[in-house]
Amino acid sequence: MKNSVLIFSLFKRFIGITFLVLNYLCYGLMVKLAADSSLTANERVIYPALVYAVSWVFVIVGIYLAGPELIAKIKDYFTRIKQRYYKKP
């Protein structure tokens, strides 16, 4: 039973990291779509915007599935930045 929980946790994190990698691949696709001369001007704007929206979905789902440790690290990072720049006198 304990082994299956570990396998499920690792599989969930693997899927989350895969979504995060797909996010970075979306940026290359956006550039390719924006530079494609066979598309009309409207399509060169709309398609990359849709891919950008999908990339944000990949980021959110990837962070959620990658685990609470990753979310805690991101919160800690932004807390440090906030404390550095918004020090109370």
PDB file of N, CA and C in Angstrom:
ATOM      1  N   MET A   1       0.817  -1.192   0.000  1.00  0.00           N
ATOM      2  CA  MET A   1       0.000   0.000   0.000  1.00  0.00           C
ATOM      3  C   MET A   1       0.858   1.253   0.000  1.00  0.00           C
ATOM      4  N   LYS A   2       1.883   1.277   0.855  1.00  0.00           N
ATOM      5  CA  LYS A   2       2.745   2.446   0.945  1.00  0.00           C
ATOM      6  C   LYS A   2       3.530   2.641  -0.349  1.00  0.00           C
ATOM      7  N   ASN A   3       3.898   1.545  -0.994  1.00  0.00           N
ATOM      8  CA  ASN A   3       4.633   1.624  -2.246  1.00  0.00           C
ATOM      9  C   ASN A   3       3.777   2.236  -3.345  1.00  0.00           C
ATOM     10  N   SER A   4       2.501   1.910  -3.396  1.00  0.00           N
ATOM     11  CA  SER A   4       1.632   2.466  -4.437  1.00  0.00           C
ATOM     12  C   SER A   4       1.417   3.963  -4.238  1.00  0.00           C
ATOM     13  N   VAL A   5       1.392   4.423  -2.997  1.00  0.00           N
ATOM     14  CA  VAL A   5       1.260   5.856  -2.729  1.00  0.00           C
ATOM     15  C   VAL A   5       2.499   6.594  -3.223  1.00  0.00           C
ATOM     16  N   LEU A   6       3.666   6.012  -3.005  1.00  0.00           N
ATOM     17  CA  LEU A   6       4.907   6.622  -3.477  1.00  0.00           C
ATOM     18  C   LEU A   6       4.939   6.677  -4.997  1.00  0.00           C
ATOM     19  N   ILE A   7       4.545   5.604  -5.650  1.00  0.00           N
ATOM     20  CA  ILE A   7       4.524   5.566  -7.117  1.00  0.00           C
ATOM     21  C   ILE A   7       3.548   6.593  -7.661  1.00  0.00           C
ATOM     22  N   PHE A   8       2.371   6.714  -7.045  1.00  0.00           N
ATOM     23  CA  PHE A   8       1.394   7.703  -7.485  1.00  0.00           C
ATOM     24  C   PHE A   8       1.935   9.114  -7.312  1.00  0.00           C
ATOM     25  N   SER A   9       2.610   9.385  -6.199  1.00  0.00           N
ATOM     26  CA  SER A   9       3.185  10.704  -5.946  1.00  0.00           C
ATOM     27  C   SER A   9       4.256  11.039  -6.977  1.00  0.00           C
ATOM     28  N   LEU A  10       5.121  10.088  -7.269  1.00  0.00           N
ATOM     29  CA  LEU A  10       6.169  10.316  -8.269  1.00  0.00           C
ATOM     30  C   LEU A  10       5.580  10.513  -9.665  1.00  0.00           C
ATOM     31  N   PHE A  11       4.547   9.747  -9.990  1.00  0.00           N
ATOM     32  CA  PHE A  11       3.898   9.893 -11.289  1.00  0.00           C
ATOM     33  C   PHE A  11       3.234  11.266 -11.410  1.00  0.00           C
ATOM     34  N   LYS A  12       2.600  11.720 -10.331  1.00  0.00           N
ATOM     35  CA  LYS A  12       1.950  13.029 -10.332  1.00  0.00           C
ATOM     36  C   LYS A  12       2.988  14.135 -10.522  1.00  0.00           C
ATOM     37  N   ARG A  13       4.121  14.020  -9.861  1.00  0.00           N
ATOM     38  CA  ARG A  13       5.184  15.019 -10.019  1.00  0.00           C
ATOM     39  C   ARG A  13       5.770  14.977 -11.424  1.00  0.00           C
ATOM     40  N   PHE A  14       5.910  13.790 -11.979  1.00  0.00           N
ATOM     41  CA  PHE A  14       6.423  13.674 -13.347  1.00  0.00           C
ATOM     42  C   PHE A  14       5.481  14.368 -14.329  1.00  0.00           C
ATOM     43  N   ILE A  15       4.179  14.158 -14.168  1.00  0.00           N
ATOM     44  CA  ILE A  15       3.203  14.813 -15.038  1.00  0.00           C
ATOM     45  C   ILE A  15       3.280  16.334 -14.851  1.00  0.00           C
ATOM     46  N   GLY A  16       3.431  16.815 -13.621  1.00  0.00           N
ATOM     47  CA  GLY A  16       3.551  18.242 -13.358  1.00  0.00           C
ATOM     48  C   GLY A  16       4.777  18.845 -14.020  1.00  0.00           C
ATOM     49  N   ILE A  17       5.894  18.170 -13.926  1.00  0.00           N
ATOM     50  CA  ILE A  17       7.119  18.662 -14.564  1.00  0.00           C
ATOM     51  C   ILE A  17       6.975  18.625 -16.082  1.00  0.00           C
ATOM     52  N   THR A  18       6.270  17.626 -16.599  1.00  0.00           N
ATOM     53  CA  THR A  18       6.012  17.567 -18.037  1.00  0.00           C
ATOM     54  C   THR A  18       5.197  18.773 -18.491  1.00  0.00           C
ATOM     55  N   PHE A  19       4.195  19.168 -17.706  1.00  0.00           N
ATOM     56  CA  PHE A  19       3.424  20.352 -18.043  1.00  0.00           C
ATOM     57  C   PHE A  19       4.290  21.609 -18.010  1.00  0.00           C
ATOM     58  N   LEU A  20       5.214  21.694 -17.078  1.00  0.00           N
ATOM     59  CA  LEU A  20       6.102  22.851 -17.018  1.00  0.00           C
ATOM     60  C   LEU A  20       7.031  22.900 -18.235  1.00  0.00           C
ATOM     61  N   VAL A  21       7.487  21.745 -18.693  1.00  0.00           N
ATOM     62  CA  VAL A  21       8.319  21.703 -19.902  1.00  0.00           C
ATOM     63  C   VAL A  21       7.491  22.086 -21.120  1.00  0.00           C
ATOM     64  N   LEU A  22       6.252  21.618 -21.188  1.00  0.00           N
ATOM     65  CA  LEU A  22       5.371  21.991 -22.296  1.00  0.00           C
ATOM     66  C   LEU A  22       5.131  23.497 -22.335  1.00  0.00           C
ATOM     67  N   ASN A  23       5.130  24.136 -21.176  1.00  0.00           N
ATOM     68  CA  ASN A  23       4.983  25.583 -21.140  1.00  0.00           C
ATOM     69  C   ASN A  23       6.104  26.255 -21.918  1.00  0.00           C
ATOM     70  N   TYR A  24       7.335  25.820 -21.710  1.00  0.00           N
ATOM     71  CA  TYR A  24       8.460  26.425 -22.414  1.00  0.00           C
ATOM     72  C   TYR A  24       8.419  26.116 -23.908  1.00  0.00           C
ATOM     73  N   LEU A  25       7.911  24.967 -24.279  1.00  0.00           N
ATOM     74  CA  LEU A  25       7.794  24.641 -25.698  1.00  0.00           C
ATOM     75  C   LEU A  25       6.739  25.499 -26.384  1.00  0.00           C
ATOM     76  N   CYS A  26       5.769  25.966 -25.632  1.00  0.00           N
ATOM     77  CA  CYS A  26       4.726  26.832 -26.202  1.00  0.00           C
ATOM     78  C   CYS A  26       5.310  28.138 -26.723  1.00  0.00           C
ATOM     79  N   TYR A  27       6.355  28.647 -26.076  1.00  0.00           N
ATOM     80  CA  TYR A  27       6.933  29.909 -26.521  1.00  0.00           C
ATOM     81  C   TYR A  27       7.562  29.779 -27.908  1.00  0.00           C
ATOM     82  N   GLY A  28       8.192  28.673 -28.180  1.00  0.00           N
ATOM     83  CA  GLY A  28       8.724  28.442 -29.519  1.00  0.00           C
ATOM     84  C   GLY A  28       7.618  28.349 -30.549  1.00  0.00           C
ATOM     85  N   LEU A  29       6.530  27.699 -30.189  1.00  0.00           N
ATOM     86  CA  LEU A  29       5.389  27.600 -31.091  1.00  0.00           C
ATOM     87  C   LEU A  29       4.779  28.972 -31.356  1.00  0.00           C
ATOM     88  N   MET A  30       4.735  29.829 -30.338  1.00  0.00           N
ATOM     89  CA  MET A  30       4.192  31.176 -30.539  1.00  0.00           C
ATOM     90  C   MET A  30       5.035  31.955 -31.542  1.00  0.00           C
ATOM     91  N   VAL A  31       6.348  31.857 -31.439  1.00  0.00           N
ATOM     92  CA  VAL A  31       7.228  32.555 -32.375  1.00  0.00           C
ATOM     93  C   VAL A  31       7.042  32.015 -33.785  1.00  0.00           C
ATOM     94  N   LYS A  32       6.931  30.696 -33.915  1.00  0.00           N
ATOM     95  CA  LYS A  32       6.742  30.094 -35.231  1.00  0.00           C
ATOM     96  C   LYS A  32       5.422  30.553 -35.853  1.00  0.00           C
ATOM     97  N   LEU A  33       4.369  30.593 -35.066  1.00  0.00           N
ATOM     98  CA  LEU A  33       3.077  31.033 -35.585  1.00  0.00           C
ATOM     99  C   LEU A  33       3.090  32.515 -35.954  1.00  0.00           C
ATOM    100  N   ALA A  34       3.757  33.336 -35.173  1.00  0.00           N
ATOM    101  CA  ALA A  34       3.807  34.763 -35.462  1.00  0.00           C
ATOM    102  C   ALA A  34       4.632  35.062 -36.711  1.00  0.00           C
ATOM    103  N   ALA A  35       5.589  34.207 -37.018  1.00  0.00           N
ATOM    104  CA  ALA A  35       6.453  34.434 -38.172  1.00  0.00           C
ATOM    105  C   ALA A  35       5.988  33.698 -39.425  1.00  0.00           C
ATOM    106  N   ASP A  36       4.928  32.925 -39.342  1.00  0.00           N
ATOM    107  CA  ASP A  36       4.449  32.139 -40.480  1.00  0.00           C
ATOM    108  C   ASP A  36       3.791  33.060 -41.501  1.00  0.00           C
ATOM    109  N   SER A  37       4.359  33.125 -42.686  1.00  0.00           N
ATOM    110  CA  SER A  37       3.843  34.036 -43.710  1.00  0.00           C
ATOM    111  C   SER A  37       2.601  33.497 -44.406  1.00  0.00           C
ATOM    112  N   SER A  38       2.280  32.239 -44.244  1.00  0.00           N
ATOM    113  CA  SER A  38       1.094  31.689 -44.883  1.00  0.00           C
ATOM    114  C   SER A  38      -0.185  32.047 -44.121  1.00  0.00           C
ATOM    115  N   LEU A  39      -0.062  32.559 -42.910  1.00  0.00           N
ATOM    116  CA  LEU A  39      -1.220  32.970 -42.125  1.00  0.00           C
ATOM    117  C   LEU A  39      -1.549  34.438 -42.388  1.00  0.00           C
ATOM    118  N   THR A  40      -2.815  34.789 -42.209  1.00  0.00           N
ATOM    119  CA  THR A  40      -3.201  36.189 -42.342  1.00  0.00           C
ATOM    120  C   THR A  40      -2.722  36.959 -41.110  1.00  0.00           C
ATOM    121  N   ALA A  41      -2.827  38.275 -41.185  1.00  0.00           N
ATOM    122  CA  ALA A  41      -2.361  39.108 -40.083  1.00  0.00           C
ATOM    123  C   ALA A  41      -3.152  38.830 -38.802  1.00  0.00           C
ATOM    124  N   ASN A  42      -4.448  38.654 -38.934  1.00  0.00           N
ATOM    125  CA  ASN A  42      -5.266  38.350 -37.752  1.00  0.00           C
ATOM    126  C   ASN A  42      -4.903  37.005 -37.153  1.00  0.00           C
ATOM    127  N   GLU A  43      -4.665  36.012 -37.995  1.00  0.00           N
ATOM    128  CA  GLU A  43      -4.295  34.685 -37.500  1.00  0.00           C
ATOM    129  C   GLU A  43      -2.944  34.715 -36.808  1.00  0.00           C
ATOM    130  N   ARG A  44      -2.027  35.571 -37.299  1.00  0.00           N
ATOM    131  CA  ARG A  44      -0.708  35.673 -36.677  1.00  0.00           C
ATOM    132  C   ARG A  44      -0.767  36.322 -35.306  1.00  0.00           C
ATOM    133  N   VAL A  45      -1.864  36.975 -34.994  1.00  0.00           N
ATOM    134  CA  VAL A  45      -2.043  37.556 -33.668  1.00  0.00           C
ATOM    135  C   VAL A  45      -2.866  36.626 -32.775  1.00  0.00           C
ATOM    136  N   ILE A  46      -3.940  36.075 -33.326  1.00  0.00           N
ATOM    137  CA  ILE A  46      -4.872  35.278 -32.527  1.00  0.00           C
ATOM    138  C   ILE A  46      -4.255  33.948 -32.097  1.00  0.00           C
ATOM    139  N   TYR A  47      -3.626  33.229 -33.016  1.00  0.00           N
ATOM    140  CA  TYR A  47      -3.089  31.907 -32.677  1.00  0.00           C
ATOM    141  C   TYR A  47      -2.012  31.964 -31.592  1.00  0.00           C
ATOM    142  N   PRO A  48      -1.032  32.877 -31.692  1.00  0.00           N
ATOM    143  CA  PRO A  48      -0.064  32.953 -30.589  1.00  0.00           C
ATOM    144  C   PRO A  48      -0.701  33.366 -29.262  1.00  0.00           C
ATOM    145  N   ALA A  49      -1.738  34.205 -29.305  1.00  0.00           N
ATOM    146  CA  ALA A  49      -2.421  34.584 -28.068  1.00  0.00           C
ATOM    147  C   ALA A  49      -3.107  33.372 -27.439  1.00  0.00           C
ATOM    148  N   LEU A  50      -3.695  32.521 -28.254  1.00  0.00           N
ATOM    149  CA  LEU A  50      -4.315  31.301 -27.734  1.00  0.00           C
ATOM    150  C   LEU A  50      -3.276  30.349 -27.153  1.00  0.00           C
ATOM    151  N   VAL A  51      -2.145  30.233 -27.832  1.00  0.00           N
ATOM    152  CA  VAL A  51      -1.066  29.375 -27.322  1.00  0.00           C
ATOM    153  C   VAL A  51      -0.527  29.939 -26.008  1.00  0.00           C
ATOM    154  N   TYR A  52      -0.459  31.264 -25.901  1.00  0.00           N
ATOM    155  CA  TYR A  52      -0.016  31.895 -24.659  1.00  0.00           C
ATOM    156  C   TYR A  52      -0.962  31.562 -23.513  1.00  0.00           C
ATOM    157  N   ALA A  53      -2.265  31.601 -23.776  1.00  0.00           N
ATOM    158  CA  ALA A  53      -3.246  31.252 -22.743  1.00  0.00           C
ATOM    159  C   ALA A  53      -3.101  29.789 -22.330  1.00  0.00           C
ATOM    160  N   VAL A  54      -2.880  28.916 -23.292  1.00  0.00           N
ATOM    161  CA  VAL A  54      -2.687  27.493 -22.992  1.00  0.00           C
ATOM    162  C   VAL A  54      -1.411  27.300 -22.177  1.00  0.00           C
ATOM    163  N   SER A  55      -0.375  28.091 -22.473  1.00  0.00           N
ATOM    164  CA  SER A  55       0.871  27.948 -21.719  1.00  0.00           C
ATOM    165  C   SER A  55       0.668  28.309 -20.252  1.00  0.00           C
ATOM    166  N   TRP A  56      -0.204  29.273 -19.954  1.00  0.00           N
ATOM    167  CA  TRP A  56      -0.491  29.600 -18.564  1.00  0.00           C
ATOM    168  C   TRP A  56      -1.245  28.478 -17.881  1.00  0.00           C
ATOM    169  N   VAL A  57      -2.109  27.808 -18.614  1.00  0.00           N
ATOM    170  CA  VAL A  57      -2.797  26.643 -18.046  1.00  0.00           C
ATOM    171  C   VAL A  57      -1.767  25.559 -17.709  1.00  0.00           C
ATOM    172  N   PHE A  58      -0.809  25.354 -18.617  1.00  0.00           N
ATOM    173  CA  PHE A  58       0.250  24.379 -18.356  1.00  0.00           C
ATOM    174  C   PHE A  58       1.040  24.741 -17.107  1.00  0.00           C
ATOM    175  N   VAL A  59       1.335  26.026 -16.915  1.00  0.00           N
ATOM    176  CA  VAL A  59       2.102  26.458 -15.741  1.00  0.00           C
ATOM    177  C   VAL A  59       1.326  26.179 -14.463  1.00  0.00           C
ATOM    178  N   ILE A  60       0.064  26.576 -14.442  1.00  0.00           N
ATOM    179  CA  ILE A  60      -0.734  26.418 -13.227  1.00  0.00           C
ATOM    180  C   ILE A  60      -0.922  24.945 -12.884  1.00  0.00           C
ATOM    181  N   VAL A  61      -1.271  24.133 -13.875  1.00  0.00           N
ATOM    182  CA  VAL A  61      -1.461  22.702 -13.631  1.00  0.00           C
ATOM    183  C   VAL A  61      -0.133  22.043 -13.261  1.00  0.00           C
ATOM    184  N   GLY A  62       0.940  22.450 -13.926  1.00  0.00           N
ATOM    185  CA  GLY A  62       2.251  21.880 -13.634  1.00  0.00           C
ATOM    186  C   GLY A  62       2.715  22.169 -12.227  1.00  0.00           C
ATOM    187  N   ILE A  63       2.507  23.405 -11.776  1.00  0.00           N
ATOM    188  CA  ILE A  63       2.897  23.750 -10.414  1.00  0.00           C
ATOM    189  C   ILE A  63       2.036  23.001  -9.405  1.00  0.00           C
ATOM    190  N   TYR A  64       0.752  22.888  -9.697  1.00  0.00           N
ATOM    191  CA  TYR A  64      -0.136  22.172  -8.774  1.00  0.00           C
ATOM    192  C   TYR A  64       0.263  20.696  -8.659  1.00  0.00           C
ATOM    193  N   LEU A  65       0.581  20.072  -9.785  1.00  0.00           N
ATOM    194  CA  LEU A  65       0.910  18.649  -9.760  1.00  0.00           C
ATOM    195  C   LEU A  65       2.340  18.367  -9.319  1.00  0.00           C
ATOM    196  N   ALA A  66       3.235  19.324  -9.507  1.00  0.00           N
ATOM    197  CA  ALA A  66       4.635  19.083  -9.162  1.00  0.00           C
ATOM    198  C   ALA A  66       4.835  18.948  -7.658  1.00  0.00           C
ATOM    199  N   GLY A  67       3.928  19.484  -6.898  1.00  0.00           N
ATOM    200  CA  GLY A  67       4.000  19.243  -5.469  1.00  0.00           C
ATOM    201  C   GLY A  67       4.010  20.486  -4.623  1.00  0.00           C
ATOM    202  N   PRO A  68       3.660  20.310  -3.375  1.00  0.00           N
ATOM    203  CA  PRO A  68       3.622  21.452  -2.455  1.00  0.00           C
ATOM    204  C   PRO A  68       5.013  22.014  -2.159  1.00  0.00           C
ATOM    205  N   GLU A  69       6.050  21.208  -2.330  1.00  0.00           N
ATOM    206  CA  GLU A  69       7.396  21.706  -2.074  1.00  0.00           C
ATOM    207  C   GLU A  69       7.757  22.804  -3.062  1.00  0.00           C
ATOM    208  N   LEU A  70       7.378  22.610  -4.321  1.00  0.00           N
ATOM    209  CA  LEU A  70       7.661  23.612  -5.339  1.00  0.00           C
ATOM    210  C   LEU A  70       6.875  24.891  -5.061  1.00  0.00           C
ATOM    211  N   ILE A  71       5.633  24.760  -4.668  1.00  0.00           N
ATOM    212  CA  ILE A  71       4.814  25.925  -4.341  1.00  0.00           C
ATOM    213  C   ILE A  71       5.392  26.652  -3.131  1.00  0.00           C
ATOM    214  N   ALA A  72       5.854  25.926  -2.136  1.00  0.00           N
ATOM    215  CA  ALA A  72       6.460  26.543  -0.952  1.00  0.00           C
ATOM    216  C   ALA A  72       7.735  27.289  -1.317  1.00  0.00           C
ATOM    217  N   LYS A  73       8.538  26.728  -2.212  1.00  0.00           N
ATOM    218  CA  LYS A  73       9.764  27.407  -2.636  1.00  0.00           C
ATOM    219  C   LYS A  73       9.445  28.695  -3.384  1.00  0.00           C
ATOM    220  N   ILE A  74       8.436  28.669  -4.234  1.00  0.00           N
ATOM    221  CA  ILE A  74       8.051  29.870  -4.975  1.00  0.00           C
ATOM    222  C   ILE A  74       7.536  30.941  -4.010  1.00  0.00           C
ATOM    223  N   LYS A  75       6.705  30.544  -3.042  1.00  0.00           N
ATOM    224  CA  LYS A  75       6.208  31.505  -2.052  1.00  0.00           C
ATOM    225  C   LYS A  75       7.352  32.093  -1.245  1.00  0.00           C
ATOM    226  N   ASP A  76       8.313  31.274  -0.853  1.00  0.00           N
ATOM    227  CA  ASP A  76       9.458  31.746  -0.091  1.00  0.00           C
ATOM    228  C   ASP A  76      10.286  32.734  -0.907  1.00  0.00           C
ATOM    229  N   TYR A  77      10.474  32.444  -2.182  1.00  0.00           N
ATOM    230  CA  TYR A  77      11.238  33.321  -3.064  1.00  0.00           C
ATOM    231  C   TYR A  77      10.576  34.691  -3.168  1.00  0.00           C
ATOM    232  N   PHE A  78       9.264  34.723  -3.414  1.00  0.00           N
ATOM    233  CA  PHE A  78       8.578  35.995  -3.542  1.00  0.00           C
ATOM    234  C   PHE A  78       8.476  36.734  -2.206  1.00  0.00           C
ATOM    235  N   THR A  79       8.420  36.009  -1.113  1.00  0.00           N
ATOM    236  CA  THR A  79       8.425  36.644   0.210  1.00  0.00           C
ATOM    237  C   THR A  79       9.754  37.340   0.456  1.00  0.00           C
ATOM    238  N   ARG A  80      10.846  36.702   0.085  1.00  0.00           N
ATOM    239  CA  ARG A  80      12.163  37.326   0.235  1.00  0.00           C
ATOM    240  C   ARG A  80      12.288  38.571  -0.617  1.00  0.00           C
ATOM    241  N   ILE A  81      11.804  38.507  -1.847  1.00  0.00           N
ATOM    242  CA  ILE A  81      11.855  39.678  -2.731  1.00  0.00           C
ATOM    243  C   ILE A  81      11.015  40.809  -2.153  1.00  0.00           C
ATOM    244  N   LYS A  82       9.829  40.461  -1.670  1.00  0.00           N
ATOM    245  CA  LYS A  82       8.948  41.478  -1.096  1.00  0.00           C
ATOM    246  C   LYS A  82       9.587  42.120   0.129  1.00  0.00           C
ATOM    247  N   GLN A  83      10.214  41.330   0.969  1.00  0.00           N
ATOM    248  CA  GLN A  83      10.866  41.871   2.162  1.00  0.00           C
ATOM    249  C   GLN A  83      12.058  42.740   1.791  1.00  0.00           C
ATOM    250  N   ARG A  84      12.757  42.383   0.744  1.00  0.00           N
ATOM    251  CA  ARG A  84      13.931  43.143   0.332  1.00  0.00           C
ATOM    252  C   ARG A  84      13.542  44.524  -0.183  1.00  0.00           C
ATOM    253  N   TYR A  85      12.490  44.595  -0.978  1.00  0.00           N
ATOM    254  CA  TYR A  85      12.125  45.861  -1.614  1.00  0.00           C
ATOM    255  C   TYR A  85      11.116  46.686  -0.841  1.00  0.00           C
ATOM    256  N   TYR A  86      10.381  46.073   0.037  1.00  0.00           N
ATOM    257  CA  TYR A  86       9.356  46.788   0.793  1.00  0.00           C
ATOM    258  C   TYR A  86       9.645  46.747   2.284  1.00  0.00           C
ATOM    259  N   LYS A  87      10.845  47.123   2.649  1.00  0.00           N
ATOM    260  CA  LYS A  87      11.229  47.160   4.054  1.00  0.00           C
ATOM    261  C   LYS A  87      10.485  48.300   4.747  1.00  0.00           C
ATOM    262  N   LYS A  88      10.003  48.011   5.932  1.00  0.00           N
ATOM    263  CA  LYS A  88       9.339  49.060   6.707  1.00  0.00           C
ATOM    264  C   LYS A  88      10.405  49.847   7.469  1.00  0.00           C
ATOM    265  N   PRO A  89      10.321  51.175   7.409  1.00  0.00           N
ATOM    266  CA  PRO A  89      11.342  51.987   8.097  1.00  0.00           C
ATOM    267  C   PRO A  89      11.208  51.961   9.593  1.00  0.00           C
TER     268      PRO A  89
END
